[in-house]
Amino acid sequence: MKTLLRFALFMAAALALVACSNMLTDLQPSADSKAATADKAALELALSGTDALTNVTGSFALPSAGAIVWASDNAAVLSADGTV
């Protein structure tokens, strides 16, 4: 009897997985997700000279993209427009 019950539970679980499998593949990204992906792609910094992200010595342009807003908590070091 236990074996029959285990088999029935296994079959029910397998059937549920098969029935729900297309739900995972049919998911589409939301508009917010698409916008965030586009904003992220547009956020490349154009550094000057030999500067690198780990060693910035000159001013650079801060790209604007969608809902991204730049701010600095120490404007004496880096202003919100990218002036160093």
PDB file of N, CA and C in Angstrom:
ATOM      1  N   MET A   1       0.822  -1.190   0.000  1.00  0.00           N
ATOM      2  CA  MET A   1       0.000   0.000   0.000  1.00  0.00           C
ATOM      3  C   MET A   1       0.870   1.261   0.000  1.00  0.00           C
ATOM      4  N   LYS A   2       1.967   1.232   0.788  1.00  0.00           N
ATOM      5  CA  LYS A   2       2.862   2.385   0.821  1.00  0.00           C
ATOM      6  C   LYS A   2       3.508   2.606  -0.540  1.00  0.00           C
ATOM      7  N   THR A   3       3.860   1.542  -1.196  1.00  0.00           N
ATOM      8  CA  THR A   3       4.481   1.649  -2.505  1.00  0.00           C
ATOM      9  C   THR A   3       3.513   2.267  -3.503  1.00  0.00           C
ATOM     10  N   LEU A   4       2.273   1.869  -3.465  1.00  0.00           N
ATOM     11  CA  LEU A   4       1.259   2.426  -4.360  1.00  0.00           C
ATOM     12  C   LEU A   4       1.047   3.911  -4.074  1.00  0.00           C
ATOM     13  N   LEU A   5       1.033   4.293  -2.815  1.00  0.00           N
ATOM     14  CA  LEU A   5       0.866   5.691  -2.435  1.00  0.00           C
ATOM     15  C   LEU A   5       2.074   6.514  -2.900  1.00  0.00           C
ATOM     16  N   ARG A   6       3.284   5.994  -2.723  1.00  0.00           N
ATOM     17  CA  ARG A   6       4.497   6.687  -3.189  1.00  0.00           C
ATOM     18  C   ARG A   6       4.465   6.862  -4.702  1.00  0.00           C
ATOM     19  N   PHE A   7       4.056   5.828  -5.406  1.00  0.00           N
ATOM     20  CA  PHE A   7       3.978   5.894  -6.858  1.00  0.00           C
ATOM     21  C   PHE A   7       2.960   6.952  -7.283  1.00  0.00           C
ATOM     22  N   ALA A   8       1.821   6.997  -6.619  1.00  0.00           N
ATOM     23  CA  ALA A   8       0.784   7.975  -6.960  1.00  0.00           C
ATOM     24  C   ALA A   8       1.280   9.394  -6.694  1.00  0.00           C
ATOM     25  N   LEU A   9       1.976   9.608  -5.584  1.00  0.00           N
ATOM     26  CA  LEU A   9       2.520  10.925  -5.274  1.00  0.00           C
ATOM     27  C   LEU A   9       3.594  11.325  -6.284  1.00  0.00           C
ATOM     28  N   PHE A  10       4.443  10.379  -6.654  1.00  0.00           N
ATOM     29  CA  PHE A  10       5.476  10.642  -7.651  1.00  0.00           C
ATOM     30  C   PHE A  10       4.846  11.041  -8.981  1.00  0.00           C
ATOM     31  N   MET A  11       3.841  10.324  -9.406  1.00  0.00           N
ATOM     32  CA  MET A  11       3.177  10.617 -10.675  1.00  0.00           C
ATOM     33  C   MET A  11       2.481  11.985 -10.626  1.00  0.00           C
ATOM     34  N   ALA A  12       1.868  12.320  -9.486  1.00  0.00           N
ATOM     35  CA  ALA A  12       1.205  13.615  -9.356  1.00  0.00           C
ATOM     36  C   ALA A  12       2.226  14.745  -9.428  1.00  0.00           C
ATOM     37  N   ALA A  13       3.364  14.562  -8.774  1.00  0.00           N
ATOM     38  CA  ALA A  13       4.416  15.585  -8.812  1.00  0.00           C
ATOM     39  C   ALA A  13       4.981  15.725 -10.223  1.00  0.00           C
ATOM     40  N   ALA A  14       5.215  14.608 -10.897  1.00  0.00           N
ATOM     41  CA  ALA A  14       5.733  14.643 -12.262  1.00  0.00           C
ATOM     42  C   ALA A  14       4.749  15.328 -13.197  1.00  0.00           C
ATOM     43  N   LEU A  15       3.484  15.034 -13.059  1.00  0.00           N
ATOM     44  CA  LEU A  15       2.453  15.660 -13.886  1.00  0.00           C
ATOM     45  C   LEU A  15       2.393  17.165 -13.633  1.00  0.00           C
ATOM     46  N   ALA A  16       2.503  17.572 -12.370  1.00  0.00           N
ATOM     47  CA  ALA A  16       2.484  19.001 -12.035  1.00  0.00           C
ATOM     48  C   ALA A  16       3.686  19.710 -12.648  1.00  0.00           C
ATOM     49  N   LEU A  17       4.856  19.092 -12.603  1.00  0.00           N
ATOM     50  CA  LEU A  17       6.053  19.695 -13.186  1.00  0.00           C
ATOM     51  C   LEU A  17       5.934  19.835 -14.698  1.00  0.00           C
ATOM     52  N   VAL A  18       5.418  18.827 -15.339  1.00  0.00           N
ATOM     53  CA  VAL A  18       5.252  18.877 -16.792  1.00  0.00           C
ATOM     54  C   VAL A  18       4.222  19.941 -17.165  1.00  0.00           C
ATOM     55  N   ALA A  19       3.144  20.030 -16.416  1.00  0.00           N
ATOM     56  CA  ALA A  19       2.091  20.997 -16.715  1.00  0.00           C
ATOM     57  C   ALA A  19       2.578  22.431 -16.513  1.00  0.00           C
ATOM     58  N   CYS A  20       3.495  22.658 -15.581  1.00  0.00           N
ATOM     59  CA  CYS A  20       3.972  24.009 -15.282  1.00  0.00           C
ATOM     60  C   CYS A  20       5.247  24.375 -16.022  1.00  0.00           C
ATOM     61  N   SER A  21       5.850  23.469 -16.732  1.00  0.00           N
ATOM     62  CA  SER A  21       7.150  23.742 -17.345  1.00  0.00           C
ATOM     63  C   SER A  21       7.096  24.869 -18.365  1.00  0.00           C
ATOM     64  N   ASN A  22       6.026  24.995 -19.110  1.00  0.00           N
ATOM     65  CA  ASN A  22       5.954  26.063 -20.116  1.00  0.00           C
ATOM     66  C   ASN A  22       5.736  27.428 -19.480  1.00  0.00           C
ATOM     67  N   MET A  23       5.284  27.478 -18.247  1.00  0.00           N
ATOM     68  CA  MET A  23       5.094  28.753 -17.569  1.00  0.00           C
ATOM     69  C   MET A  23       6.438  29.448 -17.362  1.00  0.00           C
ATOM     70  N   LEU A  24       7.481  28.704 -17.128  1.00  0.00           N
ATOM     71  CA  LEU A  24       8.790  29.290 -16.898  1.00  0.00           C
ATOM     72  C   LEU A  24       9.433  29.782 -18.188  1.00  0.00           C
ATOM     73  N   THR A  25       9.178  29.119 -19.289  1.00  0.00           N
ATOM     74  CA  THR A  25       9.792  29.523 -20.555  1.00  0.00           C
ATOM     75  C   THR A  25       9.031  30.640 -21.241  1.00  0.00           C
ATOM     76  N   ASP A  26       7.792  30.883 -20.861  1.00  0.00           N
ATOM     77  CA  ASP A  26       6.986  31.917 -21.502  1.00  0.00           C
ATOM     78  C   ASP A  26       7.079  33.271 -20.810  1.00  0.00           C
ATOM     79  N   LEU A  27       7.920  33.397 -19.789  1.00  0.00           N
ATOM     80  CA  LEU A  27       8.036  34.656 -19.076  1.00  0.00           C
ATOM     81  C   LEU A  27       8.714  35.702 -19.959  1.00  0.00           C
ATOM     82  N   GLN A  28       8.157  36.893 -19.988  1.00  0.00           N
ATOM     83  CA  GLN A  28       8.712  38.002 -20.748  1.00  0.00           C
ATOM     84  C   GLN A  28       9.205  39.066 -19.770  1.00  0.00           C
ATOM     85  N   PRO A  29      10.317  39.735 -20.080  1.00  0.00           N
ATOM     86  CA  PRO A  29      10.796  40.795 -19.200  1.00  0.00           C
ATOM     87  C   PRO A  29       9.786  41.935 -19.141  1.00  0.00           C
ATOM     88  N   SER A  30       9.649  42.532 -17.973  1.00  0.00           N
ATOM     89  CA  SER A  30       8.719  43.654 -17.818  1.00  0.00           C
ATOM     90  C   SER A  30       9.297  44.900 -18.470  1.00  0.00           C
ATOM     91  N   ALA A  31       8.457  45.899 -18.653  1.00  0.00           N
ATOM     92  CA  ALA A  31       8.907  47.164 -19.243  1.00  0.00           C
ATOM     93  C   ALA A  31       9.965  47.807 -18.350  1.00  0.00           C
ATOM     94  N   ASP A  32       9.796  47.718 -17.029  1.00  0.00           N
ATOM     95  CA  ASP A  32      10.779  48.281 -16.106  1.00  0.00           C
ATOM     96  C   ASP A  32      12.114  47.564 -16.242  1.00  0.00           C
ATOM     97  N   SER A  33      12.062  46.249 -16.391  1.00  0.00           N
ATOM     98  CA  SER A  33      13.291  45.474 -16.546  1.00  0.00           C
ATOM     99  C   SER A  33      14.010  45.845 -17.832  1.00  0.00           C
ATOM    100  N   LYS A  34      13.256  46.013 -18.906  1.00  0.00           N
ATOM    101  CA  LYS A  34      13.853  46.407 -20.186  1.00  0.00           C
ATOM    102  C   LYS A  34      14.470  47.802 -20.086  1.00  0.00           C
ATOM    103  N   ALA A  35      13.769  48.728 -19.416  1.00  0.00           N
ATOM    104  CA  ALA A  35      14.281  50.094 -19.261  1.00  0.00           C
ATOM    105  C   ALA A  35      15.547  50.099 -18.416  1.00  0.00           C
ATOM    106  N   ALA A  36      15.573  49.317 -17.345  1.00  0.00           N
ATOM    107  CA  ALA A  36      16.758  49.249 -16.495  1.00  0.00           C
ATOM    108  C   ALA A  36      17.943  48.657 -17.248  1.00  0.00           C
ATOM    109  N   THR A  37      17.691  47.670 -18.072  1.00  0.00           N
ATOM    110  CA  THR A  37      18.761  47.072 -18.869  1.00  0.00           C
ATOM    111  C   THR A  37      19.323  48.087 -19.865  1.00  0.00           C
ATOM    112  N   ALA A  38      18.447  48.860 -20.499  1.00  0.00           N
ATOM    113  CA  ALA A  38      18.887  49.888 -21.445  1.00  0.00           C
ATOM    114  C   ALA A  38      19.666  50.988 -20.730  1.00  0.00           C
ATOM    115  N   ASP A  39      19.201  51.403 -19.543  1.00  0.00           N
ATOM    116  CA  ASP A  39      19.908  52.424 -18.768  1.00  0.00           C
ATOM    117  C   ASP A  39      21.297  51.941 -18.380  1.00  0.00           C
ATOM    118  N   LYS A  40      21.387  50.711 -17.943  1.00  0.00           N
ATOM    119  CA  LYS A  40      22.673  50.152 -17.528  1.00  0.00           C
ATOM    120  C   LYS A  40      23.652  50.130 -18.709  1.00  0.00           C
ATOM    121  N   ALA A  41      23.176  49.772 -19.878  1.00  0.00           N
ATOM    122  CA  ALA A  41      24.034  49.706 -21.058  1.00  0.00           C
ATOM    123  C   ALA A  41      24.547  51.093 -21.454  1.00  0.00           C
ATOM    124  N   ALA A  42      23.767  52.141 -21.156  1.00  0.00           N
ATOM    125  CA  ALA A  42      24.150  53.499 -21.525  1.00  0.00           C
ATOM    126  C   ALA A  42      25.106  54.146 -20.522  1.00  0.00           C
ATOM    127  N   LEU A  43      25.417  53.457 -19.438  1.00  0.00           N
ATOM    128  CA  LEU A  43      26.225  54.055 -18.373  1.00  0.00           C
ATOM    129  C   LEU A  43      27.712  53.745 -18.479  1.00  0.00           C
ATOM    130  N   GLU A  44      28.293  54.021 -19.615  1.00  0.00           N
ATOM    131  CA  GLU A  44      29.737  53.846 -19.755  1.00  0.00           C
ATOM    132  C   GLU A  44      30.404  55.182 -19.551  1.00  0.00           C
ATOM    133  N   LEU A  45      31.391  55.217 -18.669  1.00  0.00           N
ATOM    134  CA  LEU A  45      32.111  56.454 -18.406  1.00  0.00           C
ATOM    135  C   LEU A  45      33.201  56.660 -19.446  1.00  0.00           C
ATOM    136  N   ALA A  46      33.313  57.880 -19.943  1.00  0.00           N
ATOM    137  CA  ALA A  46      34.369  58.232 -20.887  1.00  0.00           C
ATOM    138  C   ALA A  46      35.472  58.923 -20.092  1.00  0.00           C
ATOM    139  N   LEU A  47      36.446  58.155 -19.652  1.00  0.00           N
ATOM    140  CA  LEU A  47      37.540  58.695 -18.851  1.00  0.00           C
ATOM    141  C   LEU A  47      38.566  59.368 -19.754  1.00  0.00           C
ATOM    142  N   SER A  48      39.330  60.289 -19.183  1.00  0.00           N
ATOM    143  CA  SER A  48      40.310  61.019 -19.984  1.00  0.00           C
ATOM    144  C   SER A  48      41.718  60.453 -19.798  1.00  0.00           C
ATOM    145  N   GLY A  49      42.530  60.590 -20.814  1.00  0.00           N
ATOM    146  CA  GLY A  49      43.933  60.194 -20.743  1.00  0.00           C
ATOM    147  C   GLY A  49      44.142  58.747 -20.356  1.00  0.00           C
ATOM    148  N   THR A  50      44.987  58.551 -19.378  1.00  0.00           N
ATOM    149  CA  THR A  50      45.316  57.195 -18.929  1.00  0.00           C
ATOM    150  C   THR A  50      44.509  56.800 -17.691  1.00  0.00           C
ATOM    151  N   ASP A  51      43.472  57.553 -17.378  1.00  0.00           N
ATOM    152  CA  ASP A  51      42.650  57.248 -16.200  1.00  0.00           C
ATOM    153  C   ASP A  51      41.965  55.896 -16.344  1.00  0.00           C
ATOM    154  N   ALA A  52      41.761  55.256 -15.207  1.00  0.00           N
ATOM    155  CA  ALA A  52      41.009  54.001 -15.124  1.00  0.00           C
ATOM    156  C   ALA A  52      39.991  54.167 -14.006  1.00  0.00           C
ATOM    157  N   LEU A  53      39.021  53.294 -13.946  1.00  0.00           N
ATOM    158  CA  LEU A  53      37.999  53.402 -12.902  1.00  0.00           C
ATOM    159  C   LEU A  53      38.601  53.338 -11.497  1.00  0.00           C
ATOM    160  N   THR A  54      39.741  52.709 -11.358  1.00  0.00           N
ATOM    161  CA  THR A  54      40.385  52.612 -10.045  1.00  0.00           C
ATOM    162  C   THR A  54      41.338  53.766  -9.779  1.00  0.00           C
ATOM    163  N   ASN A  55      41.584  54.633 -10.784  1.00  0.00           N
ATOM    164  CA  ASN A  55      42.528  55.738 -10.619  1.00  0.00           C
ATOM    165  C   ASN A  55      42.105  56.884 -11.534  1.00  0.00           C
ATOM    166  N   VAL A  56      41.196  57.731 -11.058  1.00  0.00           N
ATOM    167  CA  VAL A  56      40.691  58.855 -11.852  1.00  0.00           C
ATOM    168  C   VAL A  56      41.380  60.120 -11.379  1.00  0.00           C
ATOM    169  N   THR A  57      42.031  60.829 -12.308  1.00  0.00           N
ATOM    170  CA  THR A  57      42.740  62.057 -11.957  1.00  0.00           C
ATOM    171  C   THR A  57      42.186  63.282 -12.674  1.00  0.00           C
ATOM    172  N   GLY A  58      41.354  63.071 -13.681  1.00  0.00           N
ATOM    173  CA  GLY A  58      40.797  64.192 -14.439  1.00  0.00           C
ATOM    174  C   GLY A  58      39.291  64.120 -14.521  1.00  0.00           C
ATOM    175  N   SER A  59      38.705  65.203 -14.993  1.00  0.00           N
ATOM    176  CA  SER A  59      37.245  65.258 -15.135  1.00  0.00           C
ATOM    177  C   SER A  59      36.783  64.291 -16.221  1.00  0.00           C
ATOM    178  N   PHE A  60      35.545  63.887 -16.141  1.00  0.00           N
ATOM    179  CA  PHE A  60      34.958  62.976 -17.117  1.00  0.00           C
ATOM    180  C   PHE A  60      33.479  63.267 -17.244  1.00  0.00           C
ATOM    181  N   ALA A  61      32.892  62.822 -18.322  1.00  0.00           N
ATOM    182  CA  ALA A  61      31.465  63.047 -18.568  1.00  0.00           C
ATOM    183  C   ALA A  61      30.647  61.952 -17.903  1.00  0.00           C
ATOM    184  N   LEU A  62      29.668  62.367 -17.134  1.00  0.00           N
ATOM    185  CA  LEU A  62      28.739  61.405 -16.535  1.00  0.00           C
ATOM    186  C   LEU A  62      27.555  61.248 -17.479  1.00  0.00           C
ATOM    187  N   PRO A  63      27.376  60.069 -18.046  1.00  0.00           N
ATOM    188  CA  PRO A  63      26.270  59.875 -18.989  1.00  0.00           C
ATOM    189  C   PRO A  63      24.920  59.955 -18.282  1.00  0.00           C
ATOM    190  N   SER A  64      23.950  60.484 -18.982  1.00  0.00           N
ATOM    191  CA  SER A  64      22.593  60.503 -18.433  1.00  0.00           C
ATOM    192  C   SER A  64      21.791  59.452 -19.170  1.00  0.00           C
ATOM    193  N   ALA A  65      21.070  58.668 -18.420  1.00  0.00           N
ATOM    194  CA  ALA A  65      20.293  57.590 -19.020  1.00  0.00           C
ATOM    195  C   ALA A  65      19.021  57.380 -18.215  1.00  0.00           C
ATOM    196  N   GLY A  66      17.900  57.571 -18.831  1.00  0.00           N
ATOM    197  CA  GLY A  66      16.622  57.261 -18.196  1.00  0.00           C
ATOM    198  C   GLY A  66      16.469  57.902 -16.839  1.00  0.00           C
ATOM    199  N   ALA A  67      16.289  57.075 -15.828  1.00  0.00           N
ATOM    200  CA  ALA A  67      16.021  57.551 -14.477  1.00  0.00           C
ATOM    201  C   ALA A  67      17.284  57.692 -13.633  1.00  0.00           C
ATOM    202  N   ILE A  68      18.461  57.553 -14.226  1.00  0.00           N
ATOM    203  CA  ILE A  68      19.710  57.636 -13.478  1.00  0.00           C
ATOM    204  C   ILE A  68      20.036  59.092 -13.187  1.00  0.00           C
ATOM    205  N   VAL A  69      20.278  59.408 -11.919  1.00  0.00           N
ATOM    206  CA  VAL A  69      20.646  60.750 -11.492  1.00  0.00           C
ATOM    207  C   VAL A  69      21.949  60.643 -10.717  1.00  0.00           C
ATOM    208  N   TRP A  70      22.913  61.471 -11.066  1.00  0.00           N
ATOM    209  CA  TRP A  70      24.214  61.447 -10.406  1.00  0.00           C
ATOM    210  C   TRP A  70      24.218  62.430  -9.244  1.00  0.00           C
ATOM    211  N   ALA A  71      24.879  62.057  -8.167  1.00  0.00           N
ATOM    212  CA  ALA A  71      25.036  62.924  -7.003  1.00  0.00           C
ATOM    213  C   ALA A  71      26.365  62.601  -6.350  1.00  0.00           C
ATOM    214  N   SER A  72      26.902  63.575  -5.626  1.00  0.00           N
ATOM    215  CA  SER A  72      28.159  63.370  -4.912  1.00  0.00           C
ATOM    216  C   SER A  72      27.981  63.838  -3.479  1.00  0.00           C
ATOM    217  N   ASP A  73      28.477  63.056  -2.551  1.00  0.00           N
ATOM    218  CA  ASP A  73      28.402  63.487  -1.157  1.00  0.00           C
ATOM    219  C   ASP A  73      29.616  64.337  -0.783  1.00  0.00           C
ATOM    220  N   ASN A  74      30.565  64.499  -1.705  1.00  0.00           N
ATOM    221  CA  ASN A  74      31.728  65.343  -1.479  1.00  0.00           C
ATOM    222  C   ASN A  74      32.039  66.088  -2.780  1.00  0.00           C
ATOM    223  N   ALA A  75      31.325  67.201  -3.001  1.00  0.00           N
ATOM    224  CA  ALA A  75      31.447  67.958  -4.251  1.00  0.00           C
ATOM    225  C   ALA A  75      32.835  68.568  -4.418  1.00  0.00           C
ATOM    226  N   ALA A  76      33.606  68.665  -3.345  1.00  0.00           N
ATOM    227  CA  ALA A  76      34.972  69.183  -3.457  1.00  0.00           C
ATOM    228  C   ALA A  76      35.868  68.198  -4.187  1.00  0.00           C
ATOM    229  N   VAL A  77      35.523  66.920  -4.160  1.00  0.00           N
ATOM    230  CA  VAL A  77      36.316  65.885  -4.838  1.00  0.00           C
ATOM    231  C   VAL A  77      35.715  65.560  -6.189  1.00  0.00           C
ATOM    232  N   LEU A  78      34.420  65.389  -6.245  1.00  0.00           N
ATOM    233  CA  LEU A  78      33.725  65.037  -7.482  1.00  0.00           C
ATOM    234  C   LEU A  78      32.351  65.704  -7.491  1.00  0.00           C
ATOM    235  N   SER A  79      32.131  66.568  -8.469  1.00  0.00           N
ATOM    236  CA  SER A  79      30.826  67.226  -8.544  1.00  0.00           C
ATOM    237  C   SER A  79      29.847  66.310  -9.274  1.00  0.00           C
ATOM    238  N   ALA A  80      28.592  66.695  -9.216  1.00  0.00           N
ATOM    239  CA  ALA A  80      27.543  65.882  -9.836  1.00  0.00           C
ATOM    240  C   ALA A  80      27.626  65.874 -11.354  1.00  0.00           C
ATOM    241  N   ASP A  81      28.398  66.796 -11.954  1.00  0.00           N
ATOM    242  CA  ASP A  81      28.545  66.791 -13.411  1.00  0.00           C
ATOM    243  C   ASP A  81      29.826  66.098 -13.869  1.00  0.00           C
ATOM    244  N   GLY A  82      30.610  65.549 -12.940  1.00  0.00           N
ATOM    245  CA  GLY A  82      31.809  64.787 -13.290  1.00  0.00           C
ATOM    246  C   GLY A  82      33.100  65.563 -13.193  1.00  0.00           C
ATOM    247  N   THR A  83      33.039  66.782 -12.700  1.00  0.00           N
ATOM    248  CA  THR A  83      34.258  67.577 -12.545  1.00  0.00           C
ATOM    249  C   THR A  83      35.046  67.077 -11.340  1.00  0.00           C
ATOM    250  N   VAL A  84      36.314  66.765 -11.588  1.00  0.00           N
ATOM    251  CA  VAL A  84      37.179  66.281 -10.507  1.00  0.00           C
ATOM    252  C   VAL A  84      38.012  67.434 -10.000  1.00  0.00           C
TER     253      VAL A  84
END
